[in-house]
Structure formats: structure tokens, C-alpha cells
Amino acid sequence: MLKDSAIGDIVASVKAVAAGQNYISQMLATYLVNRSRRLATFVQHTPTISDLTPTERRVLREIADHKTSREIAAELFISIRTVERHRLNICNKLDLHGSNALIRFALENKQQLI
């Protein structure tokens, strides 16, 4: 029951509970169903390499080749800060956490980056 419910809903809920039954308002039921659908959609989407931009994939390929941010920056003609930003974006998009997670992911998926 939501606090903004109409008087009729409140009366119906009190009667149902007094009779030992459960009661859920239509508004609350709709909200819960929609929330459940959104969660299911979110859980079904597992981030993949295809979610990365071409530049992020290139940076990931260079990481898989054991290159440092400085080496990647020189090869791509971008600043080290830009490489670090790409690394952070890749970790965020792929939900990678931990100091070695990006390197491990790059090495495990090297064949997909070619």
C-alpha cells in the first residue's frame, strides 16, 4: 500500500488484512512488475568487447601485447592521460575491478581483439 493511495484502496486493504488475506495496491503491483522487468533486462546484458569504441579496443589490444600506457600513447599519438582515461572507461564498461583485472581480461580475450 502506498501512502498516496485513494481512500477506497485503503479501506479495501484494511478489510483484506482483517480477513487474514494479503493486499497489494494496483499502483504498487505495477511498480514492482516494472522494476522486476528492468532488473531482468539489466542482468541479461553482459558487457562484451563489442561495447567498446574502436579506440578502446585498440588500447585493449595494446595492453594484451604487454605495452605500458606510455608506449600506447606514443603509438597512438595521444597523451598518457588519454590512455589512462581509455583504460578507466574500458574497466567501467566491462565491469572490471582490481589492479590486474584489465590486463587479465586483455590477455584472455586477445584473439577477439585481432
PDB file of N, CA and C in Angstrom:
ATOM      1  N   MET A   1       0.858  -1.165   0.000  1.00  0.00           N
ATOM      2  CA  MET A   1       0.000   0.000   0.000  1.00  0.00           C
ATOM      3  C   MET A   1       0.902   1.226   0.000  1.00  0.00           C
ATOM      4  N   LEU A   2       0.624   2.161  -0.885  1.00  0.00           N
ATOM      5  CA  LEU A   2       1.372   3.410  -0.942  1.00  0.00           C
ATOM      6  C   LEU A   2       0.640   4.477  -0.155  1.00  0.00           C
ATOM      7  N   LYS A   3       1.390   5.426   0.384  1.00  0.00           N
ATOM      8  CA  LYS A   3       0.759   6.457   1.211  1.00  0.00           C
ATOM      9  C   LYS A   3      -0.131   7.378   0.396  1.00  0.00           C
ATOM     10  N   ASP A   4       0.039   7.412  -0.925  1.00  0.00           N
ATOM     11  CA  ASP A   4      -0.786   8.262  -1.783  1.00  0.00           C
ATOM     12  C   ASP A   4      -2.038   7.545  -2.285  1.00  0.00           C
ATOM     13  N   SER A   5      -2.322   6.368  -1.778  1.00  0.00           N
ATOM     14  CA  SER A   5      -3.457   5.585  -2.255  1.00  0.00           C
ATOM     15  C   SER A   5      -4.782   6.265  -1.936  1.00  0.00           C
ATOM     16  N   ALA A   6      -5.763   5.988  -2.780  1.00  0.00           N
ATOM     17  CA  ALA A   6      -7.104   6.542  -2.590  1.00  0.00           C
ATOM     18  C   ALA A   6      -7.765   5.889  -1.378  1.00  0.00           C
ATOM     19  N   ILE A   7      -8.760   6.569  -0.835  1.00  0.00           N
ATOM     20  CA  ILE A   7      -9.480   6.076   0.341  1.00  0.00           C
ATOM     21  C   ILE A   7     -10.057   4.687   0.085  1.00  0.00           C
ATOM     22  N   GLY A   8     -10.592   4.462  -1.102  1.00  0.00           N
ATOM     23  CA  GLY A   8     -11.166   3.159  -1.436  1.00  0.00           C
ATOM     24  C   GLY A   8     -10.135   2.046  -1.326  1.00  0.00           C
ATOM     25  N   ASP A   9      -8.904   2.318  -1.785  1.00  0.00           N
ATOM     26  CA  ASP A   9      -7.825   1.330  -1.684  1.00  0.00           C
ATOM     27  C   ASP A   9      -7.469   1.068  -0.226  1.00  0.00           C
ATOM     28  N   ILE A  10      -7.446   2.114   0.563  1.00  0.00           N
ATOM     29  CA  ILE A  10      -7.098   1.962   1.977  1.00  0.00           C
ATOM     30  C   ILE A  10      -8.148   1.114   2.694  1.00  0.00           C
ATOM     31  N   VAL A  11      -9.413   1.390   2.429  1.00  0.00           N
ATOM     32  CA  VAL A  11     -10.497   0.623   3.052  1.00  0.00           C
ATOM     33  C   VAL A  11     -10.418  -0.835   2.606  1.00  0.00           C
ATOM     34  N   ALA A  12     -10.198  -1.068   1.307  1.00  0.00           N
ATOM     35  CA  ALA A  12     -10.115  -2.436   0.787  1.00  0.00           C
ATOM     36  C   ALA A  12      -8.945  -3.183   1.425  1.00  0.00           C
ATOM     37  N   SER A  13      -7.835  -2.480   1.614  1.00  0.00           N
ATOM     38  CA  SER A  13      -6.661  -3.138   2.208  1.00  0.00           C
ATOM     39  C   SER A  13      -6.919  -3.504   3.669  1.00  0.00           C
ATOM     40  N   VAL A  14      -7.581  -2.621   4.406  1.00  0.00           N
ATOM     41  CA  VAL A  14      -7.874  -2.900   5.813  1.00  0.00           C
ATOM     42  C   VAL A  14      -8.811  -4.098   5.921  1.00  0.00           C
ATOM     43  N   LYS A  15      -9.829  -4.144   5.071  1.00  0.00           N
ATOM     44  CA  LYS A  15     -10.764  -5.282   5.088  1.00  0.00           C
ATOM     45  C   LYS A  15     -10.059  -6.583   4.739  1.00  0.00           C
ATOM     46  N   ALA A  16      -9.186  -6.551   3.730  1.00  0.00           N
ATOM     47  CA  ALA A  16      -8.481  -7.767   3.315  1.00  0.00           C
ATOM     48  C   ALA A  16      -7.577  -8.269   4.436  1.00  0.00           C
ATOM     49  N   VAL A  17      -6.837  -7.373   5.052  1.00  0.00           N
ATOM     50  CA  VAL A  17      -5.911  -7.762   6.124  1.00  0.00           C
ATOM     51  C   VAL A  17      -6.687  -8.263   7.340  1.00  0.00           C
ATOM     52  N   ALA A  18      -7.816  -7.604   7.650  1.00  0.00           N
ATOM     53  CA  ALA A  18      -8.643  -8.032   8.787  1.00  0.00           C
ATOM     54  C   ALA A  18      -9.200  -9.431   8.556  1.00  0.00           C
ATOM     55  N   ALA A  19      -9.415  -9.782   7.290  1.00  0.00           N
ATOM     56  CA  ALA A  19      -9.935 -11.111   6.958  1.00  0.00           C
ATOM     57  C   ALA A  19      -8.805 -12.136   6.837  1.00  0.00           C
ATOM     58  N   GLY A  20      -7.557 -11.720   7.134  1.00  0.00           N
ATOM     59  CA  GLY A  20      -6.433 -12.654   7.083  1.00  0.00           C
ATOM     60  C   GLY A  20      -5.839 -12.836   5.698  1.00  0.00           C
ATOM     61  N   GLN A  21      -6.172 -11.943   4.780  1.00  0.00           N
ATOM     62  CA  GLN A  21      -5.664 -12.036   3.410  1.00  0.00           C
ATOM     63  C   GLN A  21      -4.540 -11.028   3.194  1.00  0.00           C
ATOM     64  N   ASN A  22      -3.835 -11.211   2.098  1.00  0.00           N
ATOM     65  CA  ASN A  22      -2.814 -10.243   1.696  1.00  0.00           C
ATOM     66  C   ASN A  22      -3.455  -9.207   0.791  1.00  0.00           C
ATOM     67  N   TYR A  23      -2.867  -8.015   0.768  1.00  0.00           N
ATOM     68  CA  TYR A  23      -3.383  -6.970  -0.119  1.00  0.00           C
ATOM     69  C   TYR A  23      -2.205  -6.206  -0.709  1.00  0.00           C
ATOM     70  N   ILE A  24      -2.298  -5.960  -1.987  1.00  0.00           N
ATOM     71  CA  ILE A  24      -1.312  -5.119  -2.661  1.00  0.00           C
ATOM     72  C   ILE A  24      -2.070  -4.215  -3.626  1.00  0.00           C
ATOM     73  N   SER A  25      -1.775  -2.929  -3.578  1.00  0.00           N
ATOM     74  CA  SER A  25      -2.491  -1.987  -4.436  1.00  0.00           C
ATOM     75  C   SER A  25      -2.057  -2.154  -5.886  1.00  0.00           C
ATOM     76  N   GLN A  26      -2.894  -1.741  -6.795  1.00  0.00           N
ATOM     77  CA  GLN A  26      -2.606  -1.845  -8.223  1.00  0.00           C
ATOM     78  C   GLN A  26      -1.362  -1.020  -8.578  1.00  0.00           C
ATOM     79  N   MET A  27      -1.240   0.167  -7.979  1.00  0.00           N
ATOM     80  CA  MET A  27      -0.082   1.016  -8.255  1.00  0.00           C
ATOM     81  C   MET A  27       1.210   0.342  -7.813  1.00  0.00           C
ATOM     82  N   LEU A  28       1.196  -0.248  -6.650  1.00  0.00           N
ATOM     83  CA  LEU A  28       2.377  -0.914  -6.138  1.00  0.00           C
ATOM     84  C   LEU A  28       2.704  -2.158  -6.971  1.00  0.00           C
ATOM     85  N   ALA A  29       1.704  -2.896  -7.349  1.00  0.00           N
ATOM     86  CA  ALA A  29       1.912  -4.087  -8.175  1.00  0.00           C
ATOM     87  C   ALA A  29       2.549  -3.704  -9.508  1.00  0.00           C
ATOM     88  N   THR A  30       2.057  -2.644 -10.131  1.00  0.00           N
ATOM     89  CA  THR A  30       2.612  -2.171 -11.398  1.00  0.00           C
ATOM     90  C   THR A  30       4.063  -1.740 -11.225  1.00  0.00           C
ATOM     91  N   TYR A  31       4.338  -1.013 -10.154  1.00  0.00           N
ATOM     92  CA  TYR A  31       5.702  -0.563  -9.882  1.00  0.00           C
ATOM     93  C   TYR A  31       6.643  -1.757  -9.724  1.00  0.00           C
ATOM     94  N   LEU A  32       6.226  -2.754  -8.943  1.00  0.00           N
ATOM     95  CA  LEU A  32       7.077  -3.919  -8.693  1.00  0.00           C
ATOM     96  C   LEU A  32       7.319  -4.743  -9.959  1.00  0.00           C
ATOM     97  N   VAL A  33       6.297  -4.889 -10.779  1.00  0.00           N
ATOM     98  CA  VAL A  33       6.453  -5.634 -12.036  1.00  0.00           C
ATOM     99  C   VAL A  33       7.420  -4.900 -12.960  1.00  0.00           C
ATOM    100  N   ASN A  34       7.264  -3.578 -13.080  1.00  0.00           N
ATOM    101  CA  ASN A  34       8.161  -2.800 -13.940  1.00  0.00           C
ATOM    102  C   ASN A  34       9.597  -2.857 -13.432  1.00  0.00           C
ATOM    103  N   ARG A  35       9.780  -2.760 -12.125  1.00  0.00           N
ATOM    104  CA  ARG A  35      11.125  -2.832 -11.544  1.00  0.00           C
ATOM    105  C   ARG A  35      11.749  -4.195 -11.818  1.00  0.00           C
ATOM    106  N   SER A  36      10.956  -5.229 -11.706  1.00  0.00           N
ATOM    107  CA  SER A  36      11.446  -6.581 -11.968  1.00  0.00           C
ATOM    108  C   SER A  36      11.868  -6.735 -13.430  1.00  0.00           C
ATOM    109  N   ARG A  37      11.099  -6.177 -14.352  1.00  0.00           N
ATOM    110  CA  ARG A  37      11.445  -6.240 -15.778  1.00  0.00           C
ATOM    111  C   ARG A  37      12.738  -5.484 -16.068  1.00  0.00           C
ATOM    112  N   ARG A  38      12.886  -4.298 -15.464  1.00  0.00           N
ATOM    113  CA  ARG A  38      14.115  -3.509 -15.672  1.00  0.00           C
ATOM    114  C   ARG A  38      15.326  -4.267 -15.151  1.00  0.00           C
ATOM    115  N   LEU A  39      15.192  -4.895 -13.995  1.00  0.00           N
ATOM    116  CA  LEU A  39      16.289  -5.655 -13.416  1.00  0.00           C
ATOM    117  C   LEU A  39      16.648  -6.850 -14.301  1.00  0.00           C
ATOM    118  N   ALA A  40      15.638  -7.540 -14.801  1.00  0.00           N
ATOM    119  CA  ALA A  40      15.885  -8.698 -15.665  1.00  0.00           C
ATOM    120  C   ALA A  40      16.605  -8.277 -16.941  1.00  0.00           C
ATOM    121  N   THR A  41      16.217  -7.152 -17.508  1.00  0.00           N
ATOM    122  CA  THR A  41      16.870  -6.638 -18.710  1.00  0.00           C
ATOM    123  C   THR A  41      18.317  -6.277 -18.417  1.00  0.00           C
ATOM    124  N   PHE A  42      18.559  -5.644 -17.287  1.00  0.00           N
ATOM    125  CA  PHE A  42      19.915  -5.265 -16.901  1.00  0.00           C
ATOM    126  C   PHE A  42      20.788  -6.494 -16.683  1.00  0.00           C
ATOM    127  N   VAL A  43      20.255  -7.511 -16.025  1.00  0.00           N
ATOM    128  CA  VAL A  43      21.024  -8.711 -15.721  1.00  0.00           C
ATOM    129  C   VAL A  43      21.339  -9.487 -16.998  1.00  0.00           C
ATOM    130  N   GLN A  44      20.452  -9.463 -17.979  1.00  0.00           N
ATOM    131  CA  GLN A  44      20.664 -10.201 -19.217  1.00  0.00           C
ATOM    132  C   GLN A  44      21.798  -9.614 -20.039  1.00  0.00           C
ATOM    133  N   HIS A  45      22.049  -8.316 -19.907  1.00  0.00           N
ATOM    134  CA  HIS A  45      23.095  -7.685 -20.708  1.00  0.00           C
ATOM    135  C   HIS A  45      24.439  -7.838 -20.008  1.00  0.00           C
ATOM    136  N   THR A  46      25.239  -8.731 -20.527  1.00  0.00           N
ATOM    137  CA  THR A  46      26.596  -8.914 -20.023  1.00  0.00           C
ATOM    138  C   THR A  46      27.518  -8.099 -20.911  1.00  0.00           C
ATOM    139  N   PRO A  47      28.297  -7.209 -20.324  1.00  0.00           N
ATOM    140  CA  PRO A  47      29.168  -6.370 -21.145  1.00  0.00           C
ATOM    141  C   PRO A  47      30.197  -7.211 -21.910  1.00  0.00           C
ATOM    142  N   THR A  48      30.444  -6.817 -23.150  1.00  0.00           N
ATOM    143  CA  THR A  48      31.394  -7.527 -24.003  1.00  0.00           C
ATOM    144  C   THR A  48      32.316  -6.529 -24.695  1.00  0.00           C
ATOM    145  N   ILE A  49      33.274  -7.053 -25.402  1.00  0.00           N
ATOM    146  CA  ILE A  49      34.213  -6.215 -26.146  1.00  0.00           C
ATOM    147  C   ILE A  49      33.476  -5.358 -27.167  1.00  0.00           C
ATOM    148  N   SER A  50      32.379  -5.844 -27.694  1.00  0.00           N
ATOM    149  CA  SER A  50      31.627  -5.073 -28.692  1.00  0.00           C
ATOM    150  C   SER A  50      31.035  -3.789 -28.114  1.00  0.00           C
ATOM    151  N   ASP A  51      30.989  -3.663 -26.790  1.00  0.00           N
ATOM    152  CA  ASP A  51      30.508  -2.441 -26.154  1.00  0.00           C
ATOM    153  C   ASP A  51      31.563  -1.336 -26.155  1.00  0.00           C
ATOM    154  N   LEU A  52      32.784  -1.678 -26.551  1.00  0.00           N
ATOM    155  CA  LEU A  52      33.876  -0.705 -26.542  1.00  0.00           C
ATOM    156  C   LEU A  52      33.952   0.052 -27.860  1.00  0.00           C
ATOM    157  N   THR A  53      34.487   1.269 -27.799  1.00  0.00           N
ATOM    158  CA  THR A  53      34.721   2.048 -29.009  1.00  0.00           C
ATOM    159  C   THR A  53      35.923   1.450 -29.738  1.00  0.00           C
ATOM    160  N   PRO A  54      36.096   1.773 -31.019  1.00  0.00           N
ATOM    161  CA  PRO A  54      37.275   1.271 -31.743  1.00  0.00           C
ATOM    162  C   PRO A  54      38.596   1.641 -31.061  1.00  0.00           C
ATOM    163  N   THR A  55      38.696   2.852 -30.539  1.00  0.00           N
ATOM    164  CA  THR A  55      39.927   3.269 -29.860  1.00  0.00           C
ATOM    165  C   THR A  55      40.131   2.481 -28.577  1.00  0.00           C
ATOM    166  N   GLU A  56      39.062   2.233 -27.828  1.00  0.00           N
ATOM    167  CA  GLU A  56      39.177   1.436 -26.605  1.00  0.00           C
ATOM    168  C   GLU A  56      39.620   0.013 -26.927  1.00  0.00           C
ATOM    169  N   ARG A  57      39.104  -0.541 -28.030  1.00  0.00           N
ATOM    170  CA  ARG A  57      39.532  -1.884 -28.444  1.00  0.00           C
ATOM    171  C   ARG A  57      41.007  -1.875 -28.832  1.00  0.00           C
ATOM    172  N   ARG A  58      41.442  -0.815 -29.482  1.00  0.00           N
ATOM    173  CA  ARG A  58      42.866  -0.707 -29.868  1.00  0.00           C
ATOM    174  C   ARG A  58      43.745  -0.625 -28.621  1.00  0.00           C
ATOM    175  N   VAL A  59      43.331   0.176 -27.652  1.00  0.00           N
ATOM    176  CA  VAL A  59      44.085   0.274 -26.395  1.00  0.00           C
ATOM    177  C   VAL A  59      44.116  -1.086 -25.702  1.00  0.00           C
ATOM    178  N   LEU A  60      43.005  -1.776 -25.689  1.00  0.00           N
ATOM    179  CA  LEU A  60      42.947  -3.104 -25.060  1.00  0.00           C
ATOM    180  C   LEU A  60      43.871  -4.086 -25.771  1.00  0.00           C
ATOM    181  N   ARG A  61      43.930  -4.000 -27.093  1.00  0.00           N
ATOM    182  CA  ARG A  61      44.828  -4.860 -27.869  1.00  0.00           C
ATOM    183  C   ARG A  61      46.290  -4.584 -27.490  1.00  0.00           C
ATOM    184  N   GLU A  62      46.611  -3.309 -27.330  1.00  0.00           N
ATOM    185  CA  GLU A  62      47.983  -2.938 -26.953  1.00  0.00           C
ATOM    186  C   GLU A  62      48.299  -3.416 -25.530  1.00  0.00           C
ATOM    187  N   ILE A  63      47.316  -3.356 -24.648  1.00  0.00           N
ATOM    188  CA  ILE A  63      47.503  -3.870 -23.283  1.00  0.00           C
ATOM    189  C   ILE A  63      47.777  -5.371 -23.343  1.00  0.00           C
ATOM    190  N   ALA A  64      47.056  -6.071 -24.201  1.00  0.00           N
ATOM    191  CA  ALA A  64      47.270  -7.512 -24.358  1.00  0.00           C
ATOM    192  C   ALA A  64      48.664  -7.819 -24.883  1.00  0.00           C
ATOM    193  N   ASP A  65      49.250  -6.861 -25.587  1.00  0.00           N
ATOM    194  CA  ASP A  65      50.622  -7.014 -26.095  1.00  0.00           C
ATOM    195  C   ASP A  65      51.652  -6.536 -25.074  1.00  0.00           C
ATOM    196  N   HIS A  66      51.222  -6.374 -23.840  1.00  0.00           N
ATOM    197  CA  HIS A  66      52.097  -6.013 -22.712  1.00  0.00           C
ATOM    198  C   HIS A  66      52.714  -4.627 -22.849  1.00  0.00           C
ATOM    199  N   LYS A  67      52.011  -3.703 -23.481  1.00  0.00           N
ATOM    200  CA  LYS A  67      52.547  -2.354 -23.628  1.00  0.00           C
ATOM    201  C   LYS A  67      52.094  -1.484 -22.464  1.00  0.00           C
ATOM    202  N   THR A  68      52.953  -0.570 -22.065  1.00  0.00           N
ATOM    203  CA  THR A  68      52.634   0.363 -20.997  1.00  0.00           C
ATOM    204  C   THR A  68      51.785   1.501 -21.550  1.00  0.00           C
ATOM    205  N   SER A  69      51.210   2.279 -20.649  1.00  0.00           N
ATOM    206  CA  SER A  69      50.423   3.434 -21.084  1.00  0.00           C
ATOM    207  C   SER A  69      51.289   4.398 -21.886  1.00  0.00           C
ATOM    208  N   ARG A  70      52.535   4.570 -21.478  1.00  0.00           N
ATOM    209  CA  ARG A  70      53.450   5.469 -22.200  1.00  0.00           C
ATOM    210  C   ARG A  70      53.686   4.962 -23.631  1.00  0.00           C
ATOM    211  N   GLU A  71      53.892   3.666 -23.777  1.00  0.00           N
ATOM    212  CA  GLU A  71      54.113   3.082 -25.104  1.00  0.00           C
ATOM    213  C   GLU A  71      52.856   3.180 -25.968  1.00  0.00           C
ATOM    214  N   ILE A  72      51.705   2.943 -25.365  1.00  0.00           N
ATOM    215  CA  ILE A  72      50.433   3.038 -26.097  1.00  0.00           C
ATOM    216  C   ILE A  72      50.209   4.475 -26.555  1.00  0.00           C
ATOM    217  N   ALA A  73      50.467   5.432 -25.673  1.00  0.00           N
ATOM    218  CA  ALA A  73      50.299   6.844 -26.008  1.00  0.00           C
ATOM    219  C   ALA A  73      51.184   7.225 -27.194  1.00  0.00           C
ATOM    220  N   ALA A  74      52.423   6.780 -27.175  1.00  0.00           N
ATOM    221  CA  ALA A  74      53.344   7.105 -28.268  1.00  0.00           C
ATOM    222  C   ALA A  74      52.887   6.474 -29.583  1.00  0.00           C
ATOM    223  N   GLU A  75      52.421   5.242 -29.505  1.00  0.00           N
ATOM    224  CA  GLU A  75      51.999   4.537 -30.718  1.00  0.00           C
ATOM    225  C   GLU A  75      50.729   5.137 -31.321  1.00  0.00           C
ATOM    226  N   LEU A  76      49.800   5.576 -30.462  1.00  0.00           N
ATOM    227  CA  LEU A  76      48.523   6.118 -30.946  1.00  0.00           C
ATOM    228  C   LEU A  76      48.535   7.643 -31.095  1.00  0.00           C
ATOM    229  N   PHE A  77      49.676   8.266 -30.753  1.00  0.00           N
ATOM    230  CA  PHE A  77      49.819   9.722 -30.835  1.00  0.00           C
ATOM    231  C   PHE A  77      48.784  10.449 -29.977  1.00  0.00           C
ATOM    232  N   ILE A  78      48.617   9.947 -28.751  1.00  0.00           N
ATOM    233  CA  ILE A  78      47.723  10.575 -27.780  1.00  0.00           C
ATOM    234  C   ILE A  78      48.488  10.723 -26.473  1.00  0.00           C
ATOM    235  N   SER A  79      47.927  11.482 -25.534  1.00  0.00           N
ATOM    236  CA  SER A  79      48.610  11.681 -24.259  1.00  0.00           C
ATOM    237  C   SER A  79      48.441  10.456 -23.353  1.00  0.00           C
ATOM    238  N   ILE A  80      49.322  10.361 -22.389  1.00  0.00           N
ATOM    239  CA  ILE A  80      49.239   9.270 -21.413  1.00  0.00           C
ATOM    240  C   ILE A  80      47.931   9.377 -20.630  1.00  0.00           C
ATOM    241  N   ARG A  81      47.528  10.612 -20.332  1.00  0.00           N
ATOM    242  CA  ARG A  81      46.245  10.805 -19.617  1.00  0.00           C
ATOM    243  C   ARG A  81      45.074  10.271 -20.424  1.00  0.00           C
ATOM    244  N   THR A  82      45.112  10.433 -21.743  1.00  0.00           N
ATOM    245  CA  THR A  82      44.040   9.908 -22.597  1.00  0.00           C
ATOM    246  C   THR A  82      44.042   8.387 -22.553  1.00  0.00           C
ATOM    247  N   VAL A  83      45.210   7.786 -22.576  1.00  0.00           N
ATOM    248  CA  VAL A  83      45.299   6.323 -22.466  1.00  0.00           C
ATOM    249  C   VAL A  83      44.728   5.869 -21.129  1.00  0.00           C
ATOM    250  N   GLU A  84      45.094   6.561 -20.060  1.00  0.00           N
ATOM    251  CA  GLU A  84      44.575   6.208 -18.735  1.00  0.00           C
ATOM    252  C   GLU A  84      43.054   6.352 -18.691  1.00  0.00           C
ATOM    253  N   ARG A  85      42.519   7.368 -19.343  1.00  0.00           N
ATOM    254  CA  ARG A  85      41.064   7.555 -19.407  1.00  0.00           C
ATOM    255  C   ARG A  85      40.424   6.403 -20.168  1.00  0.00           C
ATOM    256  N   HIS A  86      41.046   5.992 -21.282  1.00  0.00           N
ATOM    257  CA  HIS A  86      40.527   4.844 -22.036  1.00  0.00           C
ATOM    258  C   HIS A  86      40.550   3.579 -21.166  1.00  0.00           C
ATOM    259  N   ARG A  87      41.621   3.392 -20.425  1.00  0.00           N
ATOM    260  CA  ARG A  87      41.724   2.223 -19.546  1.00  0.00           C
ATOM    261  C   ARG A  87      40.589   2.236 -18.518  1.00  0.00           C
ATOM    262  N   LEU A  88      40.334   3.401 -17.933  1.00  0.00           N
ATOM    263  CA  LEU A  88      39.260   3.533 -16.951  1.00  0.00           C
ATOM    264  C   LEU A  88      37.896   3.262 -17.589  1.00  0.00           C
ATOM    265  N   ASN A  89      37.672   3.817 -18.782  1.00  0.00           N
ATOM    266  CA  ASN A  89      36.401   3.592 -19.479  1.00  0.00           C
ATOM    267  C   ASN A  89      36.196   2.111 -19.802  1.00  0.00           C
ATOM    268  N   ILE A  90      37.261   1.445 -20.222  1.00  0.00           N
ATOM    269  CA  ILE A  90      37.175   0.010 -20.527  1.00  0.00           C
ATOM    270  C   ILE A  90      36.781  -0.760 -19.263  1.00  0.00           C
ATOM    271  N   CYS A  91      37.440  -0.452 -18.158  1.00  0.00           N
ATOM    272  CA  CYS A  91      37.121  -1.131 -16.892  1.00  0.00           C
ATOM    273  C   CYS A  91      35.675  -0.881 -16.484  1.00  0.00           C
ATOM    274  N   ASN A  92      35.206   0.348 -16.646  1.00  0.00           N
ATOM    275  CA  ASN A  92      33.817   0.667 -16.288  1.00  0.00           C
ATOM    276  C   ASN A  92      32.835  -0.073 -17.189  1.00  0.00           C
ATOM    277  N   LYS A  93      33.086  -0.064 -18.498  1.00  0.00           N
ATOM    278  CA  LYS A  93      32.170  -0.708 -19.431  1.00  0.00           C
ATOM    279  C   LYS A  93      32.127  -2.224 -19.251  1.00  0.00           C
ATOM    280  N   LEU A  94      33.276  -2.822 -18.938  1.00  0.00           N
ATOM    281  CA  LEU A  94      33.346  -4.278 -18.802  1.00  0.00           C
ATOM    282  C   LEU A  94      33.191  -4.747 -17.364  1.00  0.00           C
ATOM    283  N   ASP A  95      32.955  -3.798 -16.466  1.00  0.00           N
ATOM    284  CA  ASP A  95      32.758  -4.100 -15.049  1.00  0.00           C
ATOM    285  C   ASP A  95      33.956  -4.868 -14.489  1.00  0.00           C
ATOM    286  N   LEU A  96      35.154  -4.336 -14.761  1.00  0.00           N
ATOM    287  CA  LEU A  96      36.387  -4.943 -14.278  1.00  0.00           C
ATOM    288  C   LEU A  96      36.854  -4.195 -13.041  1.00  0.00           C
ATOM    289  N   HIS A  97      37.232  -4.939 -12.016  1.00  0.00           N
ATOM    290  CA  HIS A  97      37.674  -4.340 -10.763  1.00  0.00           C
ATOM    291  C   HIS A  97      38.967  -5.007 -10.323  1.00  0.00           C
ATOM    292  N   GLY A  98      39.846  -4.229  -9.744  1.00  0.00           N
ATOM    293  CA  GLY A  98      41.106  -4.768  -9.255  1.00  0.00           C
ATOM    294  C   GLY A  98      42.258  -4.336 -10.140  1.00  0.00           C
ATOM    295  N   SER A  99      43.440  -4.344  -9.572  1.00  0.00           N
ATOM    296  CA  SER A  99      44.601  -3.799 -10.263  1.00  0.00           C
ATOM    297  C   SER A  99      45.010  -4.602 -11.497  1.00  0.00           C
ATOM    298  N   ASN A 100      44.782  -5.887 -11.514  1.00  0.00           N
ATOM    299  CA  ASN A 100      45.200  -6.713 -12.645  1.00  0.00           C
ATOM    300  C   ASN A 100      44.048  -7.192 -13.525  1.00  0.00           C
ATOM    301  N   ALA A 101      42.843  -6.794 -13.221  1.00  0.00           N
ATOM    302  CA  ALA A 101      41.678  -7.296 -13.947  1.00  0.00           C
ATOM    303  C   ALA A 101      41.710  -6.916 -15.419  1.00  0.00           C
ATOM    304  N   LEU A 102      42.127  -5.699 -15.722  1.00  0.00           N
ATOM    305  CA  LEU A 102      42.158  -5.253 -17.120  1.00  0.00           C
ATOM    306  C   LEU A 102      43.196  -6.042 -17.904  1.00  0.00           C
ATOM    307  N   ILE A 103      44.372  -6.216 -17.344  1.00  0.00           N
ATOM    308  CA  ILE A 103      45.425  -6.968 -18.031  1.00  0.00           C
ATOM    309  C   ILE A 103      44.997  -8.417 -18.233  1.00  0.00           C
ATOM    310  N   ARG A 104      44.424  -9.016 -17.193  1.00  0.00           N
ATOM    311  CA  ARG A 104      43.954 -10.400 -17.284  1.00  0.00           C
ATOM    312  C   ARG A 104      42.891 -10.534 -18.367  1.00  0.00           C
ATOM    313  N   PHE A 105      41.929  -9.595 -18.392  1.00  0.00           N
ATOM    314  CA  PHE A 105      40.868  -9.636 -19.400  1.00  0.00           C
ATOM    315  C   PHE A 105      41.461  -9.501 -20.797  1.00  0.00           C
ATOM    316  N   ALA A 106      42.404  -8.574 -20.970  1.00  0.00           N
ATOM    317  CA  ALA A 106      43.023  -8.350 -22.283  1.00  0.00           C
ATOM    318  C   ALA A 106      43.723  -9.612 -22.766  1.00  0.00           C
ATOM    319  N   LEU A 107      44.454 -10.267 -21.882  1.00  0.00           N
ATOM    320  CA  LEU A 107      45.174 -11.475 -22.263  1.00  0.00           C
ATOM    321  C   LEU A 107      44.222 -12.622 -22.581  1.00  0.00           C
ATOM    322  N   GLU A 108      43.164 -12.767 -21.780  1.00  0.00           N
ATOM    323  CA  GLU A 108      42.197 -13.852 -22.007  1.00  0.00           C
ATOM    324  C   GLU A 108      41.409 -13.672 -23.294  1.00  0.00           C
ATOM    325  N   ASN A 109      41.247 -12.419 -23.729  1.00  0.00           N
ATOM    326  CA  ASN A 109      40.422 -12.130 -24.909  1.00  0.00           C
ATOM    327  C   ASN A 109      41.236 -11.606 -26.081  1.00  0.00           C
ATOM    328  N   LYS A 110      42.513 -11.862 -26.083  1.00  0.00           N
ATOM    329  CA  LYS A 110      43.415 -11.334 -27.111  1.00  0.00           C
ATOM    330  C   LYS A 110      42.974 -11.736 -28.516  1.00  0.00           C
ATOM    331  N   GLN A 111      42.512 -12.953 -28.695  1.00  0.00           N
ATOM    332  CA  GLN A 111      42.107 -13.433 -30.028  1.00  0.00           C
ATOM    333  C   GLN A 111      40.923 -12.641 -30.581  1.00  0.00           C
ATOM    334  N   GLN A 112      40.042 -12.161 -29.720  1.00  0.00           N
ATOM    335  CA  GLN A 112      38.883 -11.382 -30.159  1.00  0.00           C
ATOM    336  C   GLN A 112      39.271  -9.963 -30.563  1.00  0.00           C
ATOM    337  N   LEU A 113      40.452  -9.525 -30.166  1.00  0.00           N
ATOM    338  CA  LEU A 113      40.894  -8.164 -30.434  1.00  0.00           C
ATOM    339  C   LEU A 113      41.627  -8.028 -31.764  1.00  0.00           C
ATOM    340  N   ILE A 114      41.966  -9.142 -32.380  1.00  0.00           N
ATOM    341  CA  ILE A 114      42.728  -9.099 -33.639  1.00  0.00           C
ATOM    342  C   ILE A 114      41.827  -8.754 -34.795  1.00  0.00           C
TER     343      ILE A 114
END
